[in-house]
Amino acid sequence: MELRIPKSRIAVLIGVKGKTRYIIERKTKTKLKVSSREGIVEIDGDDPFNVYNTEKIIKSIGRGFNPEVALMLVDEDNCFELIDMTMFSGKSKIKLSRMKSRLIGTNGKGKIENVQIARIAVQDILNGAPHGPVYKTLEERMHSLQK
């Protein structure tokens, strides 16, 4: 598996003296080959699920997540969902900036069973729905999950 991340995030992925890279490799039972010049990361591993998990961890670090938060993806109850916000904003940088500010939240993490519910709420907010009704629906759906 090979993927590209921004060159500016390579140092974060590797960590001081390779510590972050080592932790990712150890926790995911994979090996990483990182090209600092190209921003290309190769993932080698025997288990396809571990390679898939490692890909999500690296993508999240590439998107700006702190490696400690990204490593929470090792827990199968957590997941990373990427939504292309340009589908909602078109080419308007002002609209995209406003939508981003509506979505920023604490820690950006969630359990896998809640991701679909969160995705719908995010899409509703990006489509311009008021926060109040979206939160109410979100709470109702989360409450029904707990039953």
Protein backbone atom coordinates (compact mmCIF):
# COMPACT_ATOMS: atom_id res chain seq x y z
CA MET A 1 0.00 0.00 0.00
CA GLU A 2 1.35 3.43 -0.92
CA LEU A 3 -0.08 6.84 -0.12
CA ARG A 4 0.96 10.47 -0.22
CA ILE A 5 0.77 12.98 2.61
CA PRO A 6 1.87 16.63 2.68
CA LYS A 7 5.63 16.98 3.02
CA SER A 8 5.05 19.33 5.95
CA ARG A 9 3.49 16.41 7.90
CA ILE A 10 6.31 13.90 7.28
CA ALA A 11 8.28 15.10 10.32
CA VAL A 12 5.18 14.68 12.48
CA LEU A 13 4.66 11.15 11.13
CA ILE A 14 8.25 10.16 11.83
CA GLY A 15 8.54 11.96 15.17
CA VAL A 16 11.64 12.85 17.14
CA LYS A 17 14.31 10.20 16.47
CA GLY A 18 11.66 8.08 14.68
CA LYS A 19 9.62 7.52 17.84
CA THR A 20 6.16 8.11 16.30
CA ARG A 21 6.92 5.92 13.29
CA TYR A 22 8.17 3.16 15.60
CA ILE A 23 5.02 3.34 17.76
CA ILE A 24 2.78 3.14 14.68
CA GLU A 25 4.72 0.15 13.34
CA ARG A 26 4.63 -1.63 16.70
CA LYS A 27 0.93 -1.03 17.36
CA THR A 28 -0.18 -1.93 13.84
CA LYS A 29 2.34 -4.74 13.16
CA THR A 30 3.37 -3.06 9.91
CA LYS A 31 6.54 -1.53 8.46
CA LEU A 32 6.65 2.00 7.07
CA LYS A 33 8.96 3.27 4.35
CA VAL A 34 8.83 7.07 4.24
CA SER A 35 10.13 9.23 1.40
CA SER A 36 10.61 12.69 2.90
CA ARG A 37 11.30 14.28 -0.50
CA GLU A 38 8.17 12.98 -2.18
CA GLY A 39 5.80 12.74 0.77
CA ILE A 40 5.15 9.09 -0.09
CA VAL A 41 4.59 6.49 2.61
CA GLU A 42 4.67 2.76 1.84
CA ILE A 43 2.95 0.39 4.25
CA ASP A 44 4.00 -3.26 4.39
CA GLY A 45 2.25 -5.86 6.48
CA ASP A 46 0.93 -9.41 6.44
CA ASP A 47 -2.57 -8.59 7.69
CA PRO A 48 -4.71 -6.49 5.29
CA PHE A 49 -6.74 -5.13 8.21
CA ASN A 50 -3.57 -3.82 9.90
CA VAL A 51 -2.45 -2.22 6.63
CA TYR A 52 -5.90 -0.62 6.24
CA ASN A 53 -5.78 0.66 9.83
CA THR A 54 -2.29 2.04 9.32
CA GLU A 55 -3.45 3.83 6.17
CA LYS A 56 -6.20 5.57 8.17
CA ILE A 57 -3.71 6.57 10.89
CA ILE A 58 -1.28 8.01 8.34
CA LYS A 59 -4.05 9.83 6.45
CA SER A 60 -5.31 11.39 9.67
CA ILE A 61 -1.79 12.56 10.59
CA GLY A 62 -1.45 13.90 7.05
CA ARG A 63 -4.68 15.85 7.53
CA GLY A 64 -3.35 17.49 10.68
CA PHE A 65 -4.30 15.16 13.53
CA ASN A 66 -1.94 14.81 16.46
CA PRO A 67 -0.32 11.34 16.25
CA GLU A 68 -1.62 10.44 19.73
CA VAL A 69 -5.18 11.07 18.54
CA ALA A 70 -4.55 9.30 15.22
CA LEU A 71 -3.27 6.23 17.09
CA MET A 72 -6.70 5.90 18.70
CA LEU A 73 -7.67 4.35 15.35
CA VAL A 74 -5.85 1.18 16.43
CA ASP A 75 -8.90 0.54 18.63
CA GLU A 76 -11.45 -1.06 16.31
CA ASP A 77 -14.23 0.91 18.05
CA ASN A 78 -12.82 4.14 16.58
CA CYS A 79 -12.72 5.24 12.97
CA PHE A 80 -11.74 8.11 10.71
CA GLU A 81 -14.21 9.50 8.20
CA LEU A 82 -13.12 12.09 5.63
CA ILE A 83 -15.81 14.27 4.07
CA ASP A 84 -15.01 16.37 1.01
CA MET A 85 -16.49 19.72 2.02
CA THR A 86 -16.07 21.18 -1.46
CA MET A 87 -19.11 19.09 -2.44
CA PHE A 88 -21.12 21.47 -0.25
CA SER A 89 -19.27 24.76 -0.77
CA GLY A 90 -18.53 24.71 -4.49
CA LYS A 91 -15.58 26.96 -5.30
CA SER A 92 -16.35 29.62 -2.72
CA LYS A 93 -13.43 29.93 -0.29
CA ILE A 94 -15.51 32.14 1.99
CA LYS A 95 -18.31 29.57 2.17
CA LEU A 96 -15.80 26.75 2.77
CA SER A 97 -14.17 28.74 5.59
CA ARG A 98 -17.57 29.40 7.20
CA MET A 99 -18.52 25.73 6.98
CA LYS A 100 -15.22 24.66 8.55
CA SER A 101 -15.78 27.01 11.47
CA ARG A 102 -19.23 25.47 12.04
CA LEU A 103 -17.77 21.97 12.34
CA ILE A 104 -14.69 22.35 14.49
CA GLY A 105 -15.25 20.43 17.70
CA THR A 106 -13.45 18.91 20.66
CA ASN A 107 -10.89 16.19 19.86
CA GLY A 108 -12.60 15.11 16.62
CA LYS A 109 -13.07 11.52 17.73
CA GLY A 110 -15.95 9.07 17.86
CA LYS A 111 -16.94 5.43 18.09
CA ILE A 112 -17.52 3.55 14.87
CA GLU A 113 -21.22 2.93 15.51
CA ASN A 114 -21.74 6.69 15.85
CA VAL A 115 -19.96 7.71 12.65
CA GLN A 116 -22.97 7.32 10.33
CA ILE A 117 -25.10 9.38 12.69
CA ALA A 118 -22.37 12.02 12.87
CA ARG A 119 -21.94 12.00 9.08
CA ILE A 120 -25.63 12.80 8.58
CA ALA A 121 -25.44 15.60 11.17
CA VAL A 122 -22.33 17.04 9.51
CA GLN A 123 -23.98 16.96 6.10
CA ASP A 124 -27.07 18.68 7.53
CA ILE A 125 -24.91 21.45 9.02
CA LEU A 126 -22.95 21.83 5.78
CA ASN A 127 -26.24 22.12 3.91
CA GLY A 128 -27.14 25.06 6.17
CA ALA A 129 -29.41 23.48 8.78
CA PRO A 130 -29.49 25.35 12.11
CA HIS A 131 -27.38 23.78 14.86
CA GLY A 132 -30.26 23.40 17.34
CA PRO A 133 -32.45 21.00 15.34
CA VAL A 134 -29.39 19.06 14.16
CA TYR A 135 -28.20 18.60 17.77
CA LYS A 136 -31.71 17.54 18.85
CA THR A 137 -31.88 14.90 16.11
CA LEU A 138 -28.34 13.80 16.95
CA GLU A 139 -29.23 13.39 20.64
CA GLU A 140 -32.37 11.41 19.77
CA ARG A 141 -30.46 9.06 17.49
CA MET A 142 -27.70 8.57 20.05
CA HIS A 143 -30.27 7.89 22.77
CA SER A 144 -31.99 5.25 20.61
CA LEU A 145 -28.59 3.58 20.06
CA GLN A 146 -28.10 3.21 23.81
CA LYS A 147 -31.36 1.29 24.26
